[in-house]
Amino acid sequence: QVQLVESGGGLVQPGGSLRLSCAASGSIFRINAMGWYRQAPGKERELVAAITSSGSTNYADSVKGRFTISRDSAKKEVYLEMNSLKPEDTAVYYCNAGVFTTTLRWREDNYWGQGTQVTVSS
């Protein structure tokens, strides 16, 4: 099995910064793309940022220029640096990864973390 564990959420004032981390562990053969999603109360889960295994990135328009996604493939970790945070960034942030496991090397499965709360408020 594969586990994704997020950390780094919390309460921050508008204009502040936070750094989220996500560590993957378990029966991992290879990780493809990794990403961060968020879900605010009463809203659907949405993509925030994603990064491929080769390092290509894409961002939601609402976070471009403020958030930066990066990964350390050797550590099987992905990060989200969030700057100039706004109240509308408040949500539960979920880590996501496309993983080929050691038992099913030909099949990519999608895994999610348990989520970490980010609250932007004065």
N, C-alpha and C. Protein backbone atom coordinates (compact mmCIF):
# COMPACT_ATOMS: atom_id res chain seq x y z
N GLN A 1 0.83 -1.18 0.00
CA GLN A 1 0.00 0.00 0.00
C GLN A 1 0.87 1.24 0.00
N VAL A 2 0.24 2.35 -0.32
CA VAL A 2 0.92 3.63 -0.42
C VAL A 2 0.23 4.62 0.51
N GLN A 3 1.03 5.40 1.21
CA GLN A 3 0.49 6.44 2.08
C GLN A 3 1.07 7.78 1.68
N LEU A 4 0.23 8.79 1.71
CA LEU A 4 0.64 10.18 1.52
C LEU A 4 0.29 10.93 2.79
N VAL A 5 1.26 11.59 3.37
CA VAL A 5 1.04 12.30 4.62
C VAL A 5 1.43 13.76 4.45
N GLU A 6 0.43 14.65 4.63
CA GLU A 6 0.67 16.09 4.51
C GLU A 6 1.03 16.68 5.86
N SER A 7 1.72 17.80 5.81
CA SER A 7 2.02 18.57 7.01
C SER A 7 2.22 20.03 6.61
N GLY A 8 2.14 20.91 7.60
CA GLY A 8 2.45 22.31 7.36
C GLY A 8 1.27 23.25 7.33
N GLY A 9 0.07 22.73 7.45
CA GLY A 9 -1.09 23.61 7.46
C GLY A 9 -1.18 24.39 8.76
N GLY A 10 -2.15 25.31 8.80
CA GLY A 10 -2.34 26.09 10.02
C GLY A 10 -3.09 27.36 9.76
N LEU A 11 -3.04 28.24 10.76
CA LEU A 11 -3.71 29.53 10.69
C LEU A 11 -2.68 30.61 10.37
N VAL A 12 -3.00 31.44 9.39
CA VAL A 12 -2.08 32.51 8.99
C VAL A 12 -2.89 33.74 8.65
N GLN A 13 -2.30 34.89 8.87
CA GLN A 13 -2.98 36.14 8.54
C GLN A 13 -2.91 36.42 7.04
N PRO A 14 -3.86 37.18 6.54
CA PRO A 14 -3.79 37.57 5.11
C PRO A 14 -2.45 38.21 4.79
N GLY A 15 -1.89 37.83 3.65
CA GLY A 15 -0.58 38.31 3.26
C GLY A 15 0.56 37.45 3.75
N GLY A 16 0.26 36.50 4.60
CA GLY A 16 1.28 35.64 5.16
C GLY A 16 1.65 34.48 4.25
N SER A 17 2.51 33.61 4.77
CA SER A 17 3.03 32.48 3.99
C SER A 17 2.94 31.19 4.78
N LEU A 18 2.82 30.10 4.04
CA LEU A 18 2.87 28.76 4.62
C LEU A 18 3.55 27.85 3.62
N ARG A 19 4.15 26.79 4.14
CA ARG A 19 4.76 25.78 3.28
C ARG A 19 4.18 24.42 3.64
N LEU A 20 3.53 23.80 2.68
CA LEU A 20 2.98 22.47 2.87
C LEU A 20 3.97 21.42 2.34
N SER A 21 4.01 20.30 3.04
CA SER A 21 4.83 19.19 2.60
C SER A 21 3.99 17.93 2.54
N CYS A 22 4.38 17.03 1.66
CA CYS A 22 3.69 15.75 1.54
C CYS A 22 4.74 14.68 1.29
N ALA A 23 4.73 13.66 2.13
CA ALA A 23 5.68 12.57 2.01
C ALA A 23 4.96 11.28 1.62
N ALA A 24 5.45 10.64 0.59
CA ALA A 24 4.89 9.37 0.13
C ALA A 24 5.73 8.22 0.66
N SER A 25 5.05 7.16 1.05
CA SER A 25 5.77 5.98 1.55
C SER A 25 4.99 4.72 1.21
N GLY A 26 5.65 3.59 1.35
CA GLY A 26 4.97 2.33 1.08
C GLY A 26 5.61 1.59 -0.09
N SER A 27 4.81 0.77 -0.72
CA SER A 27 5.30 -0.10 -1.80
C SER A 27 5.34 0.65 -3.13
N ILE A 28 6.26 1.60 -3.22
CA ILE A 28 6.34 2.49 -4.37
C ILE A 28 7.44 2.06 -5.31
N PHE A 29 7.07 1.82 -6.56
CA PHE A 29 8.06 1.54 -7.60
C PHE A 29 8.48 2.85 -8.27
N ARG A 30 7.49 3.64 -8.64
CA ARG A 30 7.76 4.92 -9.28
C ARG A 30 6.58 5.85 -9.07
N ILE A 31 6.88 7.14 -8.90
CA ILE A 31 5.83 8.16 -8.79
C ILE A 31 5.82 8.98 -10.06
N ASN A 32 4.64 9.15 -10.63
CA ASN A 32 4.50 9.99 -11.82
C ASN A 32 4.24 11.43 -11.37
N ALA A 33 3.16 11.99 -11.76
CA ALA A 33 2.86 13.37 -11.36
C ALA A 33 2.41 13.42 -9.90
N MET A 34 2.70 14.55 -9.27
CA MET A 34 2.23 14.82 -7.91
C MET A 34 1.54 16.18 -7.93
N GLY A 35 0.62 16.37 -7.02
CA GLY A 35 -0.09 17.64 -7.03
C GLY A 35 -0.75 17.96 -5.72
N TRP A 36 -1.25 19.18 -5.67
CA TRP A 36 -2.02 19.66 -4.52
C TRP A 36 -3.40 20.10 -4.99
N TYR A 37 -4.39 19.66 -4.26
CA TYR A 37 -5.77 20.06 -4.49
C TYR A 37 -6.27 20.71 -3.21
N ARG A 38 -7.37 21.42 -3.32
CA ARG A 38 -7.98 22.00 -2.12
C ARG A 38 -9.49 21.95 -2.23
N GLN A 39 -10.11 21.93 -1.07
CA GLN A 39 -11.56 21.91 -1.02
C GLN A 39 -12.03 22.81 0.11
N ALA A 40 -12.75 23.84 -0.27
CA ALA A 40 -13.33 24.76 0.70
C ALA A 40 -14.74 24.29 1.05
N PRO A 41 -15.25 24.68 2.20
CA PRO A 41 -16.60 24.26 2.60
C PRO A 41 -17.64 24.62 1.54
N GLY A 42 -18.44 23.65 1.16
CA GLY A 42 -19.49 23.88 0.20
C GLY A 42 -19.04 23.95 -1.25
N LYS A 43 -17.76 23.70 -1.49
CA LYS A 43 -17.23 23.77 -2.85
C LYS A 43 -16.62 22.44 -3.25
N GLU A 44 -16.45 22.27 -4.55
CA GLU A 44 -15.82 21.06 -5.06
C GLU A 44 -14.30 21.13 -4.89
N ARG A 45 -13.70 19.96 -4.84
CA ARG A 45 -12.25 19.91 -4.78
C ARG A 45 -11.68 20.41 -6.10
N GLU A 46 -10.64 21.24 -6.01
CA GLU A 46 -10.06 21.81 -7.21
C GLU A 46 -8.55 21.65 -7.21
N LEU A 47 -7.99 21.57 -8.41
CA LEU A 47 -6.54 21.49 -8.54
C LEU A 47 -5.92 22.84 -8.21
N VAL A 48 -4.89 22.81 -7.38
CA VAL A 48 -4.13 24.02 -7.06
C VAL A 48 -2.86 24.08 -7.90
N ALA A 49 -2.09 22.99 -7.88
CA ALA A 49 -0.84 22.95 -8.62
C ALA A 49 -0.43 21.50 -8.80
N ALA A 50 0.29 21.25 -9.88
CA ALA A 50 0.77 19.90 -10.16
C ALA A 50 2.16 19.97 -10.75
N ILE A 51 2.91 18.88 -10.57
CA ILE A 51 4.27 18.80 -11.09
C ILE A 51 4.51 17.39 -11.61
N THR A 52 5.06 17.31 -12.82
CA THR A 52 5.32 16.01 -13.41
C THR A 52 6.64 15.45 -12.88
N SER A 53 6.92 14.22 -13.28
CA SER A 53 8.16 13.58 -12.84
C SER A 53 9.38 14.28 -13.44
N SER A 54 9.19 14.98 -14.54
CA SER A 54 10.29 15.71 -15.17
C SER A 54 10.38 17.15 -14.70
N GLY A 55 9.45 17.57 -13.84
CA GLY A 55 9.51 18.90 -13.25
C GLY A 55 8.64 19.96 -13.89
N SER A 56 7.86 19.60 -14.88
CA SER A 56 6.94 20.57 -15.46
C SER A 56 5.81 20.84 -14.49
N THR A 57 5.41 22.11 -14.43
CA THR A 57 4.39 22.51 -13.45
C THR A 57 3.20 23.18 -14.13
N ASN A 58 2.08 23.13 -13.44
CA ASN A 58 0.95 23.93 -13.85
C ASN A 58 0.18 24.35 -12.60
N TYR A 59 -0.46 25.50 -12.70
CA TYR A 59 -1.11 26.12 -11.56
C TYR A 59 -2.52 26.58 -11.91
N ALA A 60 -3.37 26.60 -10.92
CA ALA A 60 -4.66 27.25 -11.07
C ALA A 60 -4.43 28.74 -11.25
N ASP A 61 -5.26 29.36 -12.05
CA ASP A 61 -5.09 30.80 -12.30
C ASP A 61 -5.12 31.60 -11.01
N SER A 62 -5.90 31.15 -10.05
CA SER A 62 -6.08 31.90 -8.81
C SER A 62 -4.84 31.93 -7.93
N VAL A 63 -3.88 31.05 -8.19
CA VAL A 63 -2.69 31.00 -7.34
C VAL A 63 -1.40 31.32 -8.10
N LYS A 64 -1.49 31.53 -9.40
CA LYS A 64 -0.29 31.83 -10.19
C LYS A 64 0.40 33.07 -9.66
N GLY A 65 1.71 32.96 -9.52
CA GLY A 65 2.49 34.08 -9.02
C GLY A 65 2.57 34.15 -7.51
N ARG A 66 1.76 33.35 -6.82
CA ARG A 66 1.76 33.35 -5.35
C ARG A 66 2.22 32.01 -4.78
N PHE A 67 1.87 30.92 -5.45
CA PHE A 67 2.20 29.59 -4.98
C PHE A 67 3.27 28.97 -5.87
N THR A 68 4.11 28.14 -5.26
CA THR A 68 5.14 27.42 -6.00
C THR A 68 5.15 25.97 -5.56
N ILE A 69 5.03 25.07 -6.53
CA ILE A 69 5.10 23.64 -6.24
C ILE A 69 6.49 23.13 -6.61
N SER A 70 7.01 22.22 -5.80
CA SER A 70 8.30 21.60 -6.09
C SER A 70 8.27 20.17 -5.54
N ARG A 71 9.26 19.39 -5.94
CA ARG A 71 9.31 18.02 -5.45
C ARG A 71 10.76 17.57 -5.29
N ASP A 72 10.94 16.63 -4.40
CA ASP A 72 12.21 15.95 -4.21
C ASP A 72 11.94 14.48 -4.51
N SER A 73 12.26 14.06 -5.71
CA SER A 73 11.90 12.71 -6.13
C SER A 73 12.64 11.65 -5.32
N ALA A 74 13.85 11.94 -4.92
CA ALA A 74 14.62 10.98 -4.13
C ALA A 74 13.96 10.73 -2.78
N LYS A 75 13.39 11.79 -2.21
CA LYS A 75 12.72 11.66 -0.91
C LYS A 75 11.25 11.29 -1.05
N LYS A 76 10.75 11.29 -2.30
CA LYS A 76 9.34 11.03 -2.55
C LYS A 76 8.46 12.06 -1.84
N GLU A 77 8.86 13.31 -1.96
CA GLU A 77 8.13 14.38 -1.31
C GLU A 77 7.75 15.48 -2.31
N VAL A 78 6.64 16.14 -2.03
CA VAL A 78 6.21 17.28 -2.82
C VAL A 78 5.87 18.40 -1.85
N TYR A 79 6.11 19.64 -2.30
CA TYR A 79 5.94 20.80 -1.45
C TYR A 79 5.08 21.85 -2.15
N LEU A 80 4.45 22.68 -1.34
CA LEU A 80 3.70 23.81 -1.88
C LEU A 80 4.04 25.03 -1.04
N GLU A 81 4.77 25.94 -1.64
CA GLU A 81 5.10 27.20 -0.99
C GLU A 81 3.99 28.20 -1.32
N MET A 82 3.34 28.70 -0.29
CA MET A 82 2.21 29.60 -0.49
C MET A 82 2.53 30.97 0.10
N ASN A 83 2.53 31.98 -0.75
CA ASN A 83 2.81 33.35 -0.33
C ASN A 83 1.61 34.25 -0.63
N SER A 84 1.62 35.40 -0.02
CA SER A 84 0.54 36.39 -0.21
C SER A 84 -0.82 35.73 -0.07
N LEU A 85 -0.97 34.99 0.99
CA LEU A 85 -2.21 34.24 1.18
C LEU A 85 -3.41 35.15 1.38
N LYS A 86 -4.54 34.70 0.85
CA LYS A 86 -5.79 35.45 0.92
C LYS A 86 -6.83 34.62 1.67
N PRO A 87 -7.84 35.27 2.23
CA PRO A 87 -8.89 34.50 2.91
C PRO A 87 -9.52 33.45 2.00
N GLU A 88 -9.61 33.72 0.71
CA GLU A 88 -10.21 32.76 -0.21
C GLU A 88 -9.32 31.54 -0.46
N ASP A 89 -8.11 31.54 0.07
CA ASP A 89 -7.26 30.34 0.01
C ASP A 89 -7.59 29.36 1.12
N THR A 90 -8.45 29.76 2.04
CA THR A 90 -8.83 28.88 3.13
C THR A 90 -9.51 27.62 2.61
N ALA A 91 -8.98 26.48 3.00
CA ALA A 91 -9.50 25.20 2.52
C ALA A 91 -8.72 24.06 3.17
N VAL A 92 -9.20 22.86 2.96
CA VAL A 92 -8.39 21.68 3.26
C VAL A 92 -7.58 21.36 2.02
N TYR A 93 -6.28 21.23 2.19
CA TYR A 93 -5.38 20.97 1.08
C TYR A 93 -4.99 19.49 1.08
N TYR A 94 -5.13 18.87 -0.08
CA TYR A 94 -4.87 17.45 -0.23
C TYR A 94 -3.70 17.22 -1.19
N CYS A 95 -2.85 16.31 -0.81
CA CYS A 95 -1.76 15.86 -1.68
C CYS A 95 -2.27 14.71 -2.55
N ASN A 96 -1.80 14.67 -3.78
CA ASN A 96 -2.21 13.64 -4.72
C ASN A 96 -0.99 13.14 -5.48
N ALA A 97 -0.97 11.85 -5.79
CA ALA A 97 0.15 11.31 -6.55
C ALA A 97 -0.31 10.14 -7.42
N GLY A 98 0.26 10.06 -8.59
CA GLY A 98 0.06 8.92 -9.46
C GLY A 98 1.21 7.95 -9.23
N VAL A 99 0.92 6.75 -8.74
CA VAL A 99 1.96 5.84 -8.26
C VAL A 99 1.88 4.50 -8.96
N PHE A 100 3.04 4.01 -9.37
CA PHE A 100 3.20 2.62 -9.80
C PHE A 100 3.76 1.87 -8.61
N THR A 101 3.03 0.88 -8.11
CA THR A 101 3.49 0.15 -6.94
C THR A 101 4.43 -0.98 -7.33
N THR A 102 5.11 -1.52 -6.35
CA THR A 102 6.06 -2.60 -6.61
C THR A 102 5.36 -3.89 -7.05
N THR A 103 4.09 -4.02 -6.71
CA THR A 103 3.36 -5.23 -7.08
C THR A 103 2.62 -5.09 -8.40
N LEU A 104 2.36 -3.84 -8.82
CA LEU A 104 1.64 -3.57 -10.08
C LEU A 104 2.41 -2.51 -10.85
N ARG A 105 3.56 -2.87 -11.34
CA ARG A 105 4.45 -1.89 -11.97
C ARG A 105 3.91 -1.36 -13.29
N TRP A 106 2.94 -2.04 -13.87
CA TRP A 106 2.41 -1.62 -15.16
C TRP A 106 1.19 -0.72 -15.04
N ARG A 107 0.71 -0.53 -13.82
CA ARG A 107 -0.52 0.21 -13.63
C ARG A 107 -0.32 1.39 -12.68
N GLU A 108 -0.77 2.54 -13.12
CA GLU A 108 -0.69 3.74 -12.29
C GLU A 108 -1.99 3.90 -11.52
N ASP A 109 -1.87 4.02 -10.20
CA ASP A 109 -3.02 4.26 -9.35
C ASP A 109 -2.91 5.63 -8.71
N ASN A 110 -4.06 6.20 -8.41
CA ASN A 110 -4.14 7.54 -7.84
C ASN A 110 -4.29 7.45 -6.32
N TYR A 111 -3.47 8.18 -5.61
CA TYR A 111 -3.52 8.16 -4.15
C TYR A 111 -3.70 9.58 -3.61
N TRP A 112 -4.37 9.64 -2.46
CA TRP A 112 -4.64 10.92 -1.80
C TRP A 112 -4.14 10.88 -0.36
N GLY A 113 -3.72 12.05 0.11
CA GLY A 113 -3.43 12.20 1.52
C GLY A 113 -4.71 12.49 2.29
N GLN A 114 -4.57 12.62 3.60
CA GLN A 114 -5.74 12.82 4.45
C GLN A 114 -6.17 14.29 4.52
N GLY A 115 -5.32 15.18 4.05
CA GLY A 115 -5.65 16.59 4.02
C GLY A 115 -5.09 17.36 5.19
N THR A 116 -4.78 18.62 4.96
CA THR A 116 -4.32 19.51 6.02
C THR A 116 -5.05 20.85 5.88
N GLN A 117 -5.51 21.36 6.99
CA GLN A 117 -6.32 22.58 6.98
C GLN A 117 -5.42 23.82 6.87
N VAL A 118 -5.78 24.69 5.96
CA VAL A 118 -5.15 26.01 5.85
C VAL A 118 -6.24 27.05 6.05
N THR A 119 -6.05 27.91 7.04
CA THR A 119 -7.01 28.96 7.33
C THR A 119 -6.31 30.30 7.27
N VAL A 120 -6.83 31.18 6.42
CA VAL A 120 -6.26 32.52 6.26
C VAL A 120 -7.27 33.51 6.84
N SER A 121 -6.92 34.10 7.96
CA SER A 121 -7.86 34.98 8.65
C SER A 121 -7.10 35.91 9.58
N SER A 122 -7.64 37.10 9.74
CA SER A 122 -7.06 38.05 10.68
C SER A 122 -7.74 37.93 12.04
